[in-house]
Structures are given as C-alpha cells and as structure tokens.
Amino acid sequence: MAPRATKRKAMDGDGDQPKPQVQETLKRVTRSMAKQPHPESLPTKEKPKAKAKRQKKSADEDGAKAEAAPEELAVADGGSHNKTVVVEHCKQCNSFKTRAFQVRDGLEKGVPWVKVLLNPEKPRRGCFEIREEGGETFISLLDMKRPFKLMKELDMEKVISDIVEKIK
C-alpha cells in the first residue's frame, strides 16, 4: 500500500500540502421558492394601501349620503314609508333561497319604498317565513321536512301580490 500512496503524492505535485478546496455557492431552489416572485420585483405595499384608503373613504361618504336621502324622504312624508319586511329562509336547501329572492325582488318592484331583509338573524331549520318587522306575519311555514311539499306548492306570484296589497 505504501507504493500507491507515494504515487498519489507525486501526482499531486506538492506531497505535504493539502489540495485547496473550492467552495461552490449554489443556492438550493425548491418548487415553492420558484413560484414566489423575487422581493425586488414586488411593488412596495405602502403606496397601494394609501390609495385604497382614500378610495374607501370616498365610497363611505357617498354611501352615507345615499343612505341619508331615503330617510329624509321618509321623515318628510310623515314616516308612512318606513316598512321593513323580513324573509327568513332555511339554508338547508336551495329552493328556500330561490323563493326568498323571488319575494325580495317582487316586493321591491311592487312597493319601491319597502326594505326587505333576508335572514337578519340565524334562520330556523326548515323555516320559510315572511313577516313585517315588529308586526304582521304574512306566511309562516315552520319545521318542514324534506321534500318541503308545503313550500313548493306555494304560488309565489300570488303570495307576493297579496303581500304587496297588505303593505299598501
């Protein structure tokens, strides 16, 4: 074994000095790192936030002015057009939702000054109820089981026209 070691030393040139190690600076890139944009290419976050806040404030001011206008009209008329109708519908089946939207759209077309709320609170299970807030109940179908036969048999156009007549 000794002769081989001497040959290696002779091949290296300097027998006693170790070989200088070259450090390679390779960065390991993973898939998740490759998907992320480089920090230099990202725009600064401060500028868009400032613009968004300004736009949001102006939208809030416009919304406040728009909300104040109907209240002023209602007060000017003596408060007779301050009716709110609540449509409570279960979230168990999509048929509740479609009928609630039909009622909302029909009431808003028939009585433009009425305010319609859909599920202001957590709805009851199997419930489809249309009522005036703090007053009369127009339709109340409670604790329905599938396939919700009572609700599906309703003629929604007739129901909406009856409610519009009662509100006027």
N, C-alpha and C. Protein backbone atom coordinates (compact mmCIF):
# COMPACT_ATOMS: atom_id res chain seq x y z
N MET A 1 0.80 -1.19 0.00
CA MET A 1 0.00 0.00 0.00
C MET A 1 0.85 1.26 0.00
N ALA A 2 1.97 1.16 0.54
CA ALA A 2 2.84 2.32 0.59
C ALA A 2 3.21 2.83 -0.79
N PRO A 3 3.51 1.96 -1.75
CA PRO A 3 3.88 2.50 -3.06
C PRO A 3 2.75 3.30 -3.71
N ARG A 4 1.56 2.93 -3.49
CA ARG A 4 0.45 3.65 -4.10
C ARG A 4 0.32 5.05 -3.51
N ALA A 5 0.48 5.16 -2.21
CA ALA A 5 0.38 6.47 -1.56
C ALA A 5 1.44 7.41 -2.09
N THR A 6 2.62 6.90 -2.36
CA THR A 6 3.67 7.76 -2.88
C THR A 6 3.36 8.21 -4.29
N LYS A 7 2.74 7.37 -5.05
CA LYS A 7 2.38 7.76 -6.40
C LYS A 7 1.36 8.90 -6.38
N ARG A 8 0.42 8.82 -5.46
CA ARG A 8 -0.60 9.88 -5.38
C ARG A 8 0.05 11.20 -5.00
N LYS A 9 0.98 11.14 -4.07
CA LYS A 9 1.65 12.36 -3.67
C LYS A 9 2.43 12.93 -4.82
N ALA A 10 2.99 12.08 -5.59
CA ALA A 10 3.79 12.53 -6.71
C ALA A 10 2.90 13.14 -7.78
N MET A 11 1.69 12.63 -7.92
CA MET A 11 0.77 13.14 -8.93
C MET A 11 0.24 14.51 -8.54
N ASP A 12 0.04 14.72 -7.25
CA ASP A 12 -0.50 16.00 -6.79
C ASP A 12 0.52 17.11 -6.95
N GLY A 13 1.71 16.78 -7.00
CA GLY A 13 2.76 17.79 -7.11
C GLY A 13 3.31 18.08 -5.74
N ASP A 14 2.64 18.80 -4.90
CA ASP A 14 3.08 19.09 -3.54
C ASP A 14 2.58 17.97 -2.66
N GLY A 15 3.44 17.17 -2.15
CA GLY A 15 3.05 16.00 -1.40
C GLY A 15 2.49 16.30 -0.03
N ASP A 16 3.01 17.28 0.70
CA ASP A 16 2.57 17.53 2.06
C ASP A 16 1.42 18.54 2.14
N GLN A 17 1.25 19.38 1.14
CA GLN A 17 0.22 20.40 1.21
C GLN A 17 -1.13 19.82 0.73
N PRO A 18 -2.18 20.08 1.50
CA PRO A 18 -3.49 19.57 1.07
C PRO A 18 -4.01 20.37 -0.13
N LYS A 19 -4.91 19.76 -0.86
CA LYS A 19 -5.50 20.36 -2.04
C LYS A 19 -6.42 21.51 -1.62
N PRO A 20 -6.33 22.67 -2.23
CA PRO A 20 -7.24 23.76 -1.84
C PRO A 20 -8.67 23.42 -2.26
N GLN A 21 -9.57 23.59 -1.31
CA GLN A 21 -10.97 23.26 -1.58
C GLN A 21 -11.68 24.49 -2.15
N VAL A 22 -12.42 24.27 -3.18
CA VAL A 22 -13.16 25.34 -3.83
C VAL A 22 -14.60 25.27 -3.31
N GLN A 23 -15.05 26.36 -2.75
CA GLN A 23 -16.41 26.39 -2.24
C GLN A 23 -17.33 26.90 -3.34
N GLU A 24 -18.30 26.09 -3.66
CA GLU A 24 -19.26 26.49 -4.67
C GLU A 24 -20.43 27.16 -3.98
N THR A 25 -20.88 28.24 -4.53
CA THR A 25 -22.00 28.97 -3.93
C THR A 25 -23.27 28.69 -4.74
N LEU A 26 -23.77 27.50 -4.63
CA LEU A 26 -25.02 27.13 -5.28
C LEU A 26 -26.16 27.27 -4.29
N LYS A 27 -27.22 27.94 -4.70
CA LYS A 27 -28.39 28.07 -3.85
C LYS A 27 -29.36 26.96 -4.19
N ARG A 28 -29.90 26.39 -3.18
CA ARG A 28 -30.89 25.35 -3.37
C ARG A 28 -32.24 26.01 -3.62
N VAL A 29 -32.89 25.68 -4.71
CA VAL A 29 -34.17 26.27 -5.06
C VAL A 29 -35.22 25.17 -5.05
N THR A 30 -36.22 25.34 -4.23
CA THR A 30 -37.31 24.37 -4.17
C THR A 30 -38.45 24.85 -5.05
N ARG A 31 -39.45 24.01 -5.26
CA ARG A 31 -40.58 24.39 -6.09
C ARG A 31 -41.36 25.56 -5.51
N SER A 32 -41.55 25.54 -4.19
CA SER A 32 -42.30 26.63 -3.58
C SER A 32 -41.55 27.94 -3.68
N MET A 33 -40.22 27.88 -3.62
CA MET A 33 -39.43 29.11 -3.74
C MET A 33 -39.46 29.61 -5.18
N ALA A 34 -39.54 28.71 -6.12
CA ALA A 34 -39.53 29.11 -7.52
C ALA A 34 -40.84 29.81 -7.88
N LYS A 35 -41.94 29.48 -7.22
CA LYS A 35 -43.23 30.09 -7.51
C LYS A 35 -43.33 31.51 -6.97
N GLN A 36 -42.62 31.81 -5.92
CA GLN A 36 -42.70 33.13 -5.30
C GLN A 36 -41.90 34.13 -6.10
N PRO A 37 -42.47 35.33 -6.29
CA PRO A 37 -41.71 36.35 -7.01
C PRO A 37 -40.57 36.87 -6.14
N HIS A 38 -39.57 37.39 -6.76
CA HIS A 38 -38.43 37.93 -6.03
C HIS A 38 -38.85 39.21 -5.32
N PRO A 39 -38.26 39.49 -4.16
CA PRO A 39 -38.64 40.69 -3.41
C PRO A 39 -38.38 41.99 -4.17
N GLU A 40 -37.40 42.00 -5.06
CA GLU A 40 -37.12 43.21 -5.81
C GLU A 40 -38.23 43.52 -6.81
N SER A 41 -38.88 42.48 -7.33
CA SER A 41 -39.91 42.69 -8.35
C SER A 41 -41.25 43.06 -7.74
N LEU A 42 -41.43 42.86 -6.45
CA LEU A 42 -42.70 43.21 -5.80
C LEU A 42 -42.80 44.72 -5.63
N PRO A 43 -43.98 45.30 -5.90
CA PRO A 43 -44.14 46.73 -5.66
C PRO A 43 -44.23 46.98 -4.16
N THR A 44 -43.90 48.17 -3.78
CA THR A 44 -43.98 48.50 -2.36
C THR A 44 -45.44 48.50 -1.94
N LYS A 45 -45.71 48.03 -0.74
CA LYS A 45 -47.09 47.88 -0.28
C LYS A 45 -47.67 49.18 0.26
N GLU A 46 -46.86 50.14 0.57
CA GLU A 46 -47.34 51.37 1.18
C GLU A 46 -48.18 52.19 0.21
N LYS A 47 -47.78 52.29 -1.03
CA LYS A 47 -48.49 53.12 -1.98
C LYS A 47 -49.90 52.61 -2.29
N PRO A 48 -50.10 51.30 -2.59
CA PRO A 48 -51.46 50.85 -2.86
C PRO A 48 -52.39 50.99 -1.66
N LYS A 49 -51.88 50.78 -0.44
CA LYS A 49 -52.73 50.92 0.74
C LYS A 49 -53.23 52.35 0.87
N ALA A 50 -52.36 53.29 0.63
CA ALA A 50 -52.75 54.69 0.77
C ALA A 50 -53.84 55.04 -0.25
N LYS A 51 -53.72 54.56 -1.47
CA LYS A 51 -54.73 54.82 -2.48
C LYS A 51 -56.05 54.14 -2.12
N ALA A 52 -55.98 52.90 -1.63
CA ALA A 52 -57.18 52.16 -1.28
C ALA A 52 -57.93 52.85 -0.15
N LYS A 53 -57.21 53.38 0.82
CA LYS A 53 -57.87 54.05 1.93
C LYS A 53 -58.60 55.29 1.46
N ARG A 54 -57.99 56.04 0.57
CA ARG A 54 -58.63 57.24 0.06
C ARG A 54 -59.90 56.89 -0.71
N GLN A 55 -59.83 55.85 -1.54
CA GLN A 55 -61.00 55.43 -2.29
C GLN A 55 -62.08 54.91 -1.36
N LYS A 56 -61.69 54.19 -0.34
CA LYS A 56 -62.66 53.63 0.58
C LYS A 56 -63.38 54.72 1.35
N LYS A 57 -62.64 55.75 1.76
CA LYS A 57 -63.26 56.84 2.48
C LYS A 57 -64.27 57.56 1.61
N SER A 58 -63.94 57.78 0.36
CA SER A 58 -64.87 58.48 -0.52
C SER A 58 -66.10 57.62 -0.78
N ALA A 59 -65.92 56.30 -0.88
CA ALA A 59 -67.06 55.41 -1.07
C ALA A 59 -67.94 55.42 0.17
N ASP A 60 -67.35 55.45 1.37
CA ASP A 60 -68.13 55.50 2.59
C ASP A 60 -68.92 56.80 2.68
N GLU A 61 -68.32 57.92 2.28
CA GLU A 61 -69.01 59.19 2.32
C GLU A 61 -70.17 59.20 1.34
N ASP A 62 -69.97 58.64 0.14
CA ASP A 62 -71.04 58.56 -0.84
C ASP A 62 -72.17 57.68 -0.33
N GLY A 63 -71.83 56.56 0.32
CA GLY A 63 -72.83 55.65 0.87
C GLY A 63 -73.61 56.31 1.99
N ALA A 64 -72.95 57.11 2.81
CA ALA A 64 -73.62 57.80 3.90
C ALA A 64 -74.61 58.83 3.34
N LYS A 65 -74.22 59.52 2.28
CA LYS A 65 -75.13 60.49 1.66
C LYS A 65 -76.31 59.78 1.04
N ALA A 66 -76.07 58.64 0.38
CA ALA A 66 -77.15 57.90 -0.26
C ALA A 66 -78.11 57.33 0.77
N GLU A 67 -77.60 56.88 1.91
CA GLU A 67 -78.48 56.35 2.94
C GLU A 67 -79.28 57.45 3.61
N ALA A 68 -78.73 58.61 3.73
CA ALA A 68 -79.42 59.71 4.40
C ALA A 68 -80.59 60.21 3.56
N ALA A 69 -80.50 60.13 2.25
CA ALA A 69 -81.54 60.65 1.37
C ALA A 69 -82.88 59.92 1.56
N PRO A 70 -82.96 58.56 1.55
CA PRO A 70 -84.25 57.91 1.76
C PRO A 70 -84.83 58.18 3.14
N GLU A 71 -84.00 58.30 4.16
CA GLU A 71 -84.50 58.59 5.49
C GLU A 71 -85.14 59.98 5.52
N GLU A 72 -84.53 60.93 4.82
CA GLU A 72 -85.10 62.27 4.78
C GLU A 72 -86.45 62.26 4.08
N LEU A 73 -86.58 61.47 3.02
CA LEU A 73 -87.85 61.37 2.33
C LEU A 73 -88.91 60.75 3.22
N ALA A 74 -88.54 59.71 3.95
CA ALA A 74 -89.49 59.03 4.83
C ALA A 74 -89.95 59.97 5.94
N VAL A 75 -89.05 60.74 6.50
CA VAL A 75 -89.41 61.68 7.55
C VAL A 75 -90.29 62.79 6.99
N ALA A 76 -90.02 63.24 5.77
CA ALA A 76 -90.80 64.30 5.15
C ALA A 76 -92.22 63.84 4.88
N ASP A 77 -92.42 62.55 4.57
CA ASP A 77 -93.75 62.02 4.30
C ASP A 77 -94.49 61.65 5.58
N GLY A 78 -93.92 61.87 6.71
CA GLY A 78 -94.57 61.54 7.96
C GLY A 78 -94.20 60.16 8.46
N GLY A 79 -93.24 59.50 7.84
CA GLY A 79 -92.79 58.19 8.32
C GLY A 79 -93.67 57.05 7.87
N SER A 80 -94.60 57.28 6.92
CA SER A 80 -95.51 56.22 6.49
C SER A 80 -94.83 55.17 5.64
N HIS A 81 -93.69 55.51 5.05
CA HIS A 81 -92.99 54.57 4.17
C HIS A 81 -91.81 53.91 4.84
N ASN A 82 -91.88 53.71 6.13
CA ASN A 82 -90.78 53.10 6.87
C ASN A 82 -91.08 51.65 7.18
N LYS A 83 -91.43 50.85 6.20
CA LYS A 83 -91.76 49.45 6.45
C LYS A 83 -90.58 48.56 6.10
N THR A 84 -90.39 47.55 6.94
CA THR A 84 -89.34 46.57 6.71
C THR A 84 -89.97 45.19 6.73
N VAL A 85 -89.71 44.42 5.69
CA VAL A 85 -90.22 43.05 5.61
C VAL A 85 -89.04 42.11 5.78
N VAL A 86 -89.21 41.11 6.65
CA VAL A 86 -88.16 40.13 6.93
C VAL A 86 -88.56 38.81 6.28
N VAL A 87 -87.65 38.27 5.47
CA VAL A 87 -87.85 36.95 4.87
C VAL A 87 -86.84 36.02 5.53
N GLU A 88 -87.34 35.11 6.34
CA GLU A 88 -86.47 34.14 7.00
C GLU A 88 -86.57 32.83 6.24
N HIS A 89 -85.45 32.36 5.74
CA HIS A 89 -85.46 31.11 4.97
C HIS A 89 -84.33 30.21 5.42
N CYS A 90 -84.61 28.92 5.46
CA CYS A 90 -83.64 27.92 5.88
C CYS A 90 -82.54 27.81 4.83
N LYS A 91 -81.35 27.44 5.28
CA LYS A 91 -80.22 27.28 4.36
C LYS A 91 -79.99 25.82 4.00
N GLN A 92 -80.93 24.98 4.35
CA GLN A 92 -80.78 23.54 4.15
C GLN A 92 -80.89 23.17 2.67
N CYS A 93 -81.72 23.90 1.93
CA CYS A 93 -81.98 23.56 0.54
C CYS A 93 -82.00 24.84 -0.28
N ASN A 94 -81.59 24.74 -1.52
CA ASN A 94 -81.51 25.91 -2.39
C ASN A 94 -82.89 26.44 -2.78
N SER A 95 -83.93 25.62 -2.68
CA SER A 95 -85.28 26.07 -3.05
C SER A 95 -85.77 27.16 -2.10
N PHE A 96 -85.34 27.15 -0.85
CA PHE A 96 -85.68 28.22 0.09
C PHE A 96 -85.10 29.54 -0.40
N LYS A 97 -83.86 29.48 -0.81
CA LYS A 97 -83.14 30.68 -1.24
C LYS A 97 -83.77 31.28 -2.49
N THR A 98 -84.12 30.45 -3.47
CA THR A 98 -84.71 30.97 -4.71
C THR A 98 -86.05 31.63 -4.44
N ARG A 99 -86.86 31.05 -3.57
CA ARG A 99 -88.16 31.65 -3.25
C ARG A 99 -87.99 32.95 -2.46
N ALA A 100 -87.01 32.99 -1.58
CA ALA A 100 -86.75 34.22 -0.83
C ALA A 100 -86.31 35.34 -1.77
N PHE A 101 -85.48 35.03 -2.76
CA PHE A 101 -85.07 36.04 -3.73
C PHE A 101 -86.25 36.49 -4.58
N GLN A 102 -87.15 35.57 -4.93
CA GLN A 102 -88.35 35.94 -5.68
C GLN A 102 -89.20 36.92 -4.89
N VAL A 103 -89.36 36.64 -3.60
CA VAL A 103 -90.16 37.52 -2.74
C VAL A 103 -89.49 38.89 -2.65
N ARG A 104 -88.19 38.92 -2.42
CA ARG A 104 -87.47 40.19 -2.30
C ARG A 104 -87.62 41.03 -3.57
N ASP A 105 -87.37 40.41 -4.73
CA ASP A 105 -87.46 41.15 -5.99
C ASP A 105 -88.88 41.63 -6.25
N GLY A 106 -89.87 40.78 -5.99
CA GLY A 106 -91.27 41.15 -6.21
C GLY A 106 -91.71 42.29 -5.32
N LEU A 107 -91.31 42.25 -4.05
CA LEU A 107 -91.70 43.32 -3.13
C LEU A 107 -91.00 44.63 -3.48
N GLU A 108 -89.75 44.56 -3.88
CA GLU A 108 -89.04 45.79 -4.24
C GLU A 108 -89.60 46.41 -5.51
N LYS A 109 -90.12 45.59 -6.43
CA LYS A 109 -90.75 46.14 -7.64
C LYS A 109 -92.15 46.67 -7.32
N GLY A 110 -92.90 45.93 -6.51
CA GLY A 110 -94.28 46.33 -6.20
C GLY A 110 -94.37 47.52 -5.27
N VAL A 111 -93.50 47.57 -4.27
CA VAL A 111 -93.50 48.65 -3.28
C VAL A 111 -92.07 49.15 -3.18
N PRO A 112 -91.69 50.18 -3.95
CA PRO A 112 -90.28 50.58 -4.01
C PRO A 112 -89.72 51.13 -2.70
N TRP A 113 -90.53 51.62 -1.80
CA TRP A 113 -90.04 52.21 -0.56
C TRP A 113 -89.91 51.20 0.57
N VAL A 114 -90.28 49.95 0.34
CA VAL A 114 -90.18 48.94 1.39
C VAL A 114 -88.76 48.37 1.41
N LYS A 115 -88.30 48.06 2.61
CA LYS A 115 -86.96 47.47 2.78
C LYS A 115 -87.14 45.99 3.09
N VAL A 116 -86.45 45.12 2.34
CA VAL A 116 -86.58 43.67 2.51
C VAL A 116 -85.27 43.13 3.05
N LEU A 117 -85.33 42.42 4.17
CA LEU A 117 -84.16 41.80 4.79
C LEU A 117 -84.27 40.29 4.64
N LEU A 118 -83.18 39.68 4.19
CA LEU A 118 -83.12 38.22 4.10
C LEU A 118 -82.27 37.69 5.24
N ASN A 119 -82.85 36.90 6.10
CA ASN A 119 -82.14 36.27 7.23
C ASN A 119 -81.29 37.27 8.03
N PRO A 120 -81.91 38.22 8.71
CA PRO A 120 -81.10 39.13 9.53
C PRO A 120 -80.47 38.42 10.72
N GLU A 121 -81.08 37.33 11.16
CA GLU A 121 -80.55 36.50 12.25
C GLU A 121 -80.39 35.09 11.71
N LYS A 122 -79.82 34.22 12.53
CA LYS A 122 -79.65 32.83 12.12
C LYS A 122 -81.03 32.20 11.91
N PRO A 123 -81.28 31.64 10.72
CA PRO A 123 -82.62 31.10 10.44
C PRO A 123 -82.88 29.77 11.14
N ARG A 124 -84.15 29.51 11.36
CA ARG A 124 -84.54 28.23 11.96
C ARG A 124 -84.52 27.15 10.89
N ARG A 125 -84.38 25.91 11.32
CA ARG A 125 -84.30 24.78 10.38
C ARG A 125 -85.69 24.49 9.82
N GLY A 126 -85.75 24.34 8.48
CA GLY A 126 -87.00 24.01 7.82
C GLY A 126 -88.02 25.13 7.87
N CYS A 127 -87.56 26.37 7.94
CA CYS A 127 -88.44 27.52 8.12
C CYS A 127 -88.46 28.37 6.86
N PHE A 128 -89.66 28.79 6.48
CA PHE A 128 -89.82 29.81 5.45
C PHE A 128 -90.91 30.74 5.96
N GLU A 129 -90.50 31.94 6.33
CA GLU A 129 -91.44 32.87 6.96
C GLU A 129 -91.24 34.26 6.38
N ILE A 130 -92.37 34.90 6.06
CA ILE A 130 -92.35 36.28 5.58
C ILE A 130 -93.18 37.09 6.57
N ARG A 131 -92.54 38.10 7.18
CA ARG A 131 -93.24 38.90 8.19
C ARG A 131 -92.79 40.35 8.12
N GLU A 132 -93.66 41.20 8.63
CA GLU A 132 -93.30 42.60 8.76
C GLU A 132 -92.56 42.74 10.07
N GLU A 133 -91.51 43.54 10.08
CA GLU A 133 -90.69 43.65 11.27
C GLU A 133 -91.51 44.29 12.39
N GLY A 134 -91.66 43.55 13.49
CA GLY A 134 -92.40 44.04 14.63
C GLY A 134 -93.90 44.09 14.39
N GLY A 135 -94.40 43.29 13.46
CA GLY A 135 -95.83 43.34 13.16
C GLY A 135 -96.38 42.04 12.63
N GLU A 136 -97.14 42.16 11.56
CA GLU A 136 -97.92 41.07 10.99
C GLU A 136 -97.03 40.02 10.32
N THR A 137 -97.46 38.75 10.43
CA THR A 137 -96.79 37.65 9.74
C THR A 137 -97.62 37.27 8.53
N PHE A 138 -97.01 37.33 7.35
CA PHE A 138 -97.75 37.04 6.12
C PHE A 138 -97.80 35.55 5.84
N ILE A 139 -96.66 34.88 5.89
CA ILE A 139 -96.59 33.43 5.69
C ILE A 139 -95.65 32.86 6.72
N SER A 140 -96.03 31.73 7.32
CA SER A 140 -95.18 31.08 8.30
C SER A 140 -95.24 29.57 8.09
N LEU A 141 -94.20 29.02 7.51
CA LEU A 141 -94.08 27.58 7.34
C LEU A 141 -92.89 27.14 8.20
N LEU A 142 -93.18 26.42 9.28
CA LEU A 142 -92.14 26.06 10.24
C LEU A 142 -91.97 24.55 10.30
N ASP A 143 -90.77 24.13 10.68
CA ASP A 143 -90.41 22.72 10.89
C ASP A 143 -90.81 21.82 9.73
N MET A 144 -90.53 22.27 8.52
CA MET A 144 -90.85 21.44 7.34
C MET A 144 -89.79 20.36 7.20
N LYS A 145 -90.24 19.21 6.77
CA LYS A 145 -89.34 18.10 6.49
C LYS A 145 -89.22 17.96 4.98
N ARG A 146 -88.14 17.33 4.54
CA ARG A 146 -87.98 17.10 3.12
C ARG A 146 -89.13 16.27 2.61
N PRO A 147 -89.61 16.51 1.44
CA PRO A 147 -89.18 17.34 0.32
C PRO A 147 -89.79 18.74 0.31
N PHE A 148 -90.18 19.28 1.45
CA PHE A 148 -90.70 20.65 1.60
C PHE A 148 -91.91 20.89 0.69
N LYS A 149 -92.86 19.98 0.78
CA LYS A 149 -94.02 19.99 -0.10
C LYS A 149 -94.85 21.26 0.05
N LEU A 150 -95.08 21.72 1.29
CA LEU A 150 -95.89 22.91 1.51
C LEU A 150 -95.29 24.14 0.82
N MET A 151 -94.01 24.30 0.92
CA MET A 151 -93.36 25.46 0.33
C MET A 151 -93.35 25.37 -1.19
N LYS A 152 -93.11 24.19 -1.72
CA LYS A 152 -93.02 24.04 -3.17
C LYS A 152 -94.38 24.16 -3.85
N GLU A 153 -95.46 23.94 -3.11
CA GLU A 153 -96.81 24.08 -3.67
C GLU A 153 -97.28 25.53 -3.69
N LEU A 154 -96.58 26.42 -3.02
CA LEU A 154 -96.97 27.83 -2.99
C LEU A 154 -96.89 28.46 -4.38
N ASP A 155 -97.90 29.27 -4.71
CA ASP A 155 -97.85 30.09 -5.92
C ASP A 155 -97.21 31.41 -5.53
N MET A 156 -95.93 31.55 -5.82
CA MET A 156 -95.16 32.70 -5.32
C MET A 156 -95.67 34.03 -5.87
N GLU A 157 -96.15 34.06 -7.12
CA GLU A 157 -96.68 35.31 -7.67
C GLU A 157 -97.90 35.78 -6.90
N LYS A 158 -98.78 34.84 -6.55
CA LYS A 158 -99.98 35.19 -5.78
C LYS A 158 -99.60 35.65 -4.38
N VAL A 159 -98.65 34.96 -3.76
CA VAL A 159 -98.19 35.33 -2.42
C VAL A 159 -97.61 36.74 -2.43
N ILE A 160 -96.79 37.04 -3.42
CA ILE A 160 -96.15 38.36 -3.50
C ILE A 160 -97.20 39.44 -3.73
N SER A 161 -98.16 39.19 -4.61
CA SER A 161 -99.20 40.20 -4.87
C SER A 161 -100.06 40.43 -3.62
N ASP A 162 -100.36 39.37 -2.86
CA ASP A 162 -101.12 39.54 -1.60
C ASP A 162 -100.36 40.38 -0.60
N ILE A 163 -99.07 40.14 -0.46
CA ILE A 163 -98.25 40.91 0.49
C ILE A 163 -98.17 42.37 0.07
N VAL A 164 -98.02 42.62 -1.22
CA VAL A 164 -97.95 44.00 -1.72
C VAL A 164 -99.24 44.74 -1.40
N GLU A 165 -100.40 44.06 -1.59
CA GLU A 165 -101.69 44.68 -1.27
C GLU A 165 -101.81 44.99 0.22
N LYS A 166 -101.36 44.08 1.07
CA LYS A 166 -101.44 44.29 2.52
C LYS A 166 -100.54 45.44 2.97
N ILE A 167 -99.37 45.56 2.34
CA ILE A 167 -98.43 46.63 2.72
C ILE A 167 -98.96 47.98 2.29
N LYS A 168 -99.54 48.07 1.11
CA LYS A 168 -100.06 49.36 0.61
C LYS A 168 -101.26 49.76 1.44
